Protein backbone atom coordinates (compact mmCIF):
# COMPACT_ATOMS: atom_id res chain seq x y z
CA UNK A 1 -1.96 92.66 202.76
CA UNK A 2 1.62 92.99 201.86
CA UNK A 3 3.59 91.18 199.20
CA UNK A 4 6.33 88.93 200.65
CA UNK A 5 9.76 90.46 200.47
CA UNK A 6 11.49 89.09 197.25
CA UNK A 7 14.68 88.25 198.94
CA UNK A 8 12.71 85.77 201.18
CA UNK A 9 10.99 84.07 198.32
CA UNK A 10 13.97 83.75 195.96
CA UNK A 11 15.85 81.18 198.30
CA UNK A 12 12.64 79.04 198.63
CA UNK A 13 12.25 78.99 194.84
CA UNK A 14 15.92 78.02 194.23
CA UNK A 15 15.60 75.26 196.92
CA UNK A 16 12.37 74.00 195.34
CA UNK A 17 13.72 73.91 191.79
CA UNK A 18 16.99 72.33 192.98
CA UNK A 19 15.22 69.56 194.86
CA UNK A 20 12.94 68.99 191.97
CA UNK A 21 16.02 68.49 189.53
CA UNK A 22 17.55 66.13 191.93
CA UNK A 23 14.73 64.12 193.07
CA UNK A 24 12.71 64.25 189.85
CA UNK A 25 15.47 63.91 187.19
CA UNK A 26 18.88 63.09 188.51
CA UNK A 27 18.08 60.42 191.09
CA UNK A 28 15.68 58.51 188.82
CA UNK A 29 18.25 58.58 185.89
CA UNK A 30 21.01 57.33 188.31
CA UNK A 31 18.96 54.58 189.69
CA UNK A 32 17.70 53.43 186.30
CA UNK A 33 21.13 53.49 184.81
CA UNK A 34 22.58 51.59 187.87
CA UNK A 35 19.74 49.03 187.61
CA UNK A 36 20.31 48.47 183.89
CA UNK A 37 24.07 48.18 184.47
CA UNK A 38 23.98 45.74 187.37
CA UNK A 39 20.67 43.84 186.67
CA UNK A 40 19.91 44.18 182.84
CA UNK A 41 17.62 41.21 182.65
CA UNK A 42 15.48 42.31 185.61
CA UNK A 43 15.54 45.97 184.61
CA UNK A 44 13.90 45.13 181.32
CA UNK A 45 11.05 43.02 182.78
CA UNK A 46 12.75 39.62 183.15
CA UNK A 47 11.66 38.91 179.62
CA UNK A 48 12.13 35.30 178.14
CA UNK A 49 13.40 35.15 174.61
CA UNK A 50 13.15 32.01 172.33
CA UNK A 51 14.40 32.17 168.71
CA UNK A 52 14.64 36.00 168.72
CA UNK A 53 10.96 36.34 169.90
CA UNK A 54 9.71 37.51 173.38
CA UNK A 55 7.48 34.63 174.55
CA UNK A 56 6.66 36.05 178.12
CA UNK A 57 8.11 37.44 181.39
CA UNK A 58 9.16 35.43 184.37
CA UNK A 59 7.21 37.77 186.51
CA UNK A 60 3.65 37.58 184.92
CA UNK A 61 1.69 34.47 184.46
CA UNK A 62 0.22 33.23 181.18
CA UNK A 63 -2.98 31.37 180.42
CA UNK A 64 -2.41 27.73 179.35
CA UNK A 65 -5.41 25.65 178.53
CA UNK A 66 -3.84 22.94 176.42
CA UNK A 67 -4.10 19.83 178.64
CA UNK A 68 -0.55 18.84 177.44
CA UNK A 69 0.81 21.94 179.15
CA UNK A 70 0.94 22.74 182.87
CA UNK A 71 -1.66 25.11 183.93
CA UNK A 72 -1.00 28.05 186.18
CA UNK A 73 -3.09 29.78 188.76
CA UNK A 74 -6.28 31.42 187.59
CA UNK A 75 -6.05 35.08 186.87
CA UNK A 76 -8.38 37.56 188.76
CA UNK A 77 -7.73 40.21 186.03
CA UNK A 78 -10.50 39.21 183.76
CA UNK A 79 -12.15 39.25 181.37
CA UNK A 80 -8.76 38.86 179.79
CA UNK A 81 -6.55 36.48 181.55
CA UNK A 82 -3.28 37.89 182.86
CA UNK A 83 -3.87 41.50 182.06
CA UNK A 84 -1.11 43.28 183.77
CA UNK A 85 -2.98 46.60 183.36
CA UNK A 86 -5.61 45.26 185.70
CA UNK A 87 -3.51 43.74 188.33
CA UNK A 88 -5.60 43.14 191.51
CA UNK A 89 -7.35 40.39 193.48
CA UNK A 90 -10.92 39.36 193.12
CA UNK A 91 -11.66 40.57 196.58
CA UNK A 92 -14.13 37.74 197.08
CA UNK A 93 -14.46 36.30 200.55
CA UNK A 94 -14.61 32.56 201.35
CA UNK A 95 -18.40 32.87 201.70
CA UNK A 96 -18.99 34.67 198.48
CA UNK A 97 -21.07 32.32 196.13
CA UNK A 98 -19.23 33.78 193.07
CA UNK A 99 -15.96 32.40 194.45
CA UNK A 100 -17.33 29.17 195.33
CA UNK A 101 -18.91 28.82 191.82
CA UNK A 102 -15.61 29.69 190.18
CA UNK A 103 -13.66 27.25 192.31
CA UNK A 104 -16.10 24.48 191.51
CA UNK A 105 -15.94 25.15 187.79
CA UNK A 106 -12.11 25.11 187.91
CA UNK A 107 -12.15 21.86 189.80
CA UNK A 108 -14.52 20.46 187.14
CA UNK A 109 -12.15 21.65 184.37
CA UNK A 110 -9.16 19.86 185.95
CA UNK A 111 -11.18 16.76 186.54
CA UNK A 112 -12.41 16.77 182.89
CA UNK A 113 -8.88 17.28 181.61
CA UNK A 114 -7.62 14.23 183.62
CA UNK A 115 -10.49 11.96 184.74
CA UNK A 116 -8.07 9.40 186.16
CA UNK A 117 -6.68 11.92 188.62
CA UNK A 118 -8.30 11.37 191.95
CA UNK A 119 -6.04 13.23 194.29
CA UNK A 120 -7.23 16.40 196.03
CA UNK A 121 -6.92 19.50 193.85
CA UNK A 122 -4.28 21.78 195.26
CA UNK A 123 -5.79 25.20 196.12
CA UNK A 124 -3.43 27.22 194.08
CA UNK A 125 -4.86 25.71 190.91
CA UNK A 126 -8.34 26.90 191.70
CA UNK A 127 -7.81 30.31 193.34
CA UNK A 128 -6.25 33.51 192.15
CA UNK A 129 -3.25 35.05 193.90
CA UNK A 130 -3.44 38.54 195.35
CA UNK A 131 -2.11 40.23 192.19
CA UNK A 132 -3.95 38.05 189.83
CA UNK A 133 -0.75 37.70 187.81
CA UNK A 134 1.23 35.09 189.72
CA UNK A 135 3.56 33.11 187.21
CA UNK A 136 4.19 30.31 189.76
CA UNK A 137 2.39 27.32 191.16
CA UNK A 138 3.35 25.12 194.02
CA UNK A 139 5.35 21.82 193.63
CA UNK A 140 2.21 20.04 194.76
CA UNK A 141 0.25 21.65 191.92
CA UNK A 142 2.87 20.71 189.37
CA UNK A 143 2.95 17.08 190.77
CA UNK A 144 -0.90 16.97 190.56
CA UNK A 145 -0.80 17.73 186.88
CA UNK A 146 2.30 15.57 186.10
CA UNK A 147 0.43 12.37 185.20
CA UNK A 148 -1.81 14.26 182.68
CA UNK A 149 1.10 15.93 180.98
CA UNK A 150 3.29 12.84 180.78
CA UNK A 151 0.37 10.87 179.33
CA UNK A 152 -0.64 13.42 176.67
CA UNK A 153 2.99 14.01 175.67
CA UNK A 154 3.73 10.42 175.80
CA UNK A 155 6.62 10.98 178.20
CA UNK A 156 7.93 8.92 181.16
CA UNK A 157 6.38 10.52 184.33
CA UNK A 158 9.97 10.43 186.00
CA UNK A 159 11.24 12.70 183.16
CA UNK A 160 8.44 15.07 183.70
CA UNK A 161 9.07 15.01 187.43
CA UNK A 162 12.85 15.83 186.67
CA UNK A 163 11.76 18.82 184.69
CA UNK A 164 9.44 19.92 187.62
CA UNK A 165 12.37 19.75 189.87
CA UNK A 166 14.75 21.66 187.56
CA UNK A 167 12.19 24.48 187.35
CA UNK A 168 11.36 24.59 190.99
CA UNK A 169 12.65 27.75 192.72
CA UNK A 170 13.79 27.11 196.27
CA UNK A 171 13.23 29.68 199.09
CA UNK A 172 15.89 32.46 199.30
CA UNK A 173 18.67 31.20 201.59
CA UNK A 174 16.53 28.19 202.37
CA UNK A 175 14.50 30.41 204.72
CA UNK A 176 12.53 33.20 202.89
CA UNK A 177 9.56 32.07 200.93
CA UNK A 178 8.28 28.78 199.71
CA UNK A 179 9.31 26.49 196.84
CA UNK A 180 7.50 27.32 193.67
CA UNK A 181 7.54 26.38 190.05
CA UNK A 182 7.45 28.83 187.25
CA UNK A 183 4.72 27.62 184.81
CA UNK A 184 6.13 29.42 181.65
CA UNK A 185 9.66 28.21 182.02
CA UNK A 186 8.47 24.68 182.75
CA UNK A 187 6.17 24.63 179.69
CA UNK A 188 8.98 26.04 177.50
CA UNK A 189 11.22 23.19 178.64
CA UNK A 190 8.42 20.64 177.81
CA UNK A 191 8.05 22.14 174.38
CA UNK A 192 11.84 21.96 173.87
CA UNK A 193 11.68 18.18 174.34
CA UNK A 194 9.76 17.71 170.97
């Protein structure tokens, strides 16, 4: 077996090192710098600041259990709710008894928090999203919770509905996606009313 001729190996090594520097260093630095220059909020995680403190991100849900707040979708990232390091779905099919038990328990918690609410429970309040981190609920899920939140905060339901509408994100261009409500920004707006 003969050793490859050095003049044939050298161009391959130079090419390999050059591409490594371009794709592993220069390109990521350029894209990161461009992203931070053009989209600074998004490049830093879409963080929400209040009184100099970071209170969350527009992109990751938070657990709200106080009945005077709107509740988001359940998280499948347990045991710690909304653990971004464990992002994944529950992978439980519709016939899985564990999913059925979890949904029934969530329905019972919603009914206990607002016994007067007799409307059907929106599905996004009792099932987790694919990522388990969804920060949004549907406008129907927000409307379902409106009477409870308005009563506990002693607010006019019309005022709470106005807040829901202000925090409803419409489909991109009126075509892509569905209307959705960011739970964190809605709850922050509610807290600001105090």
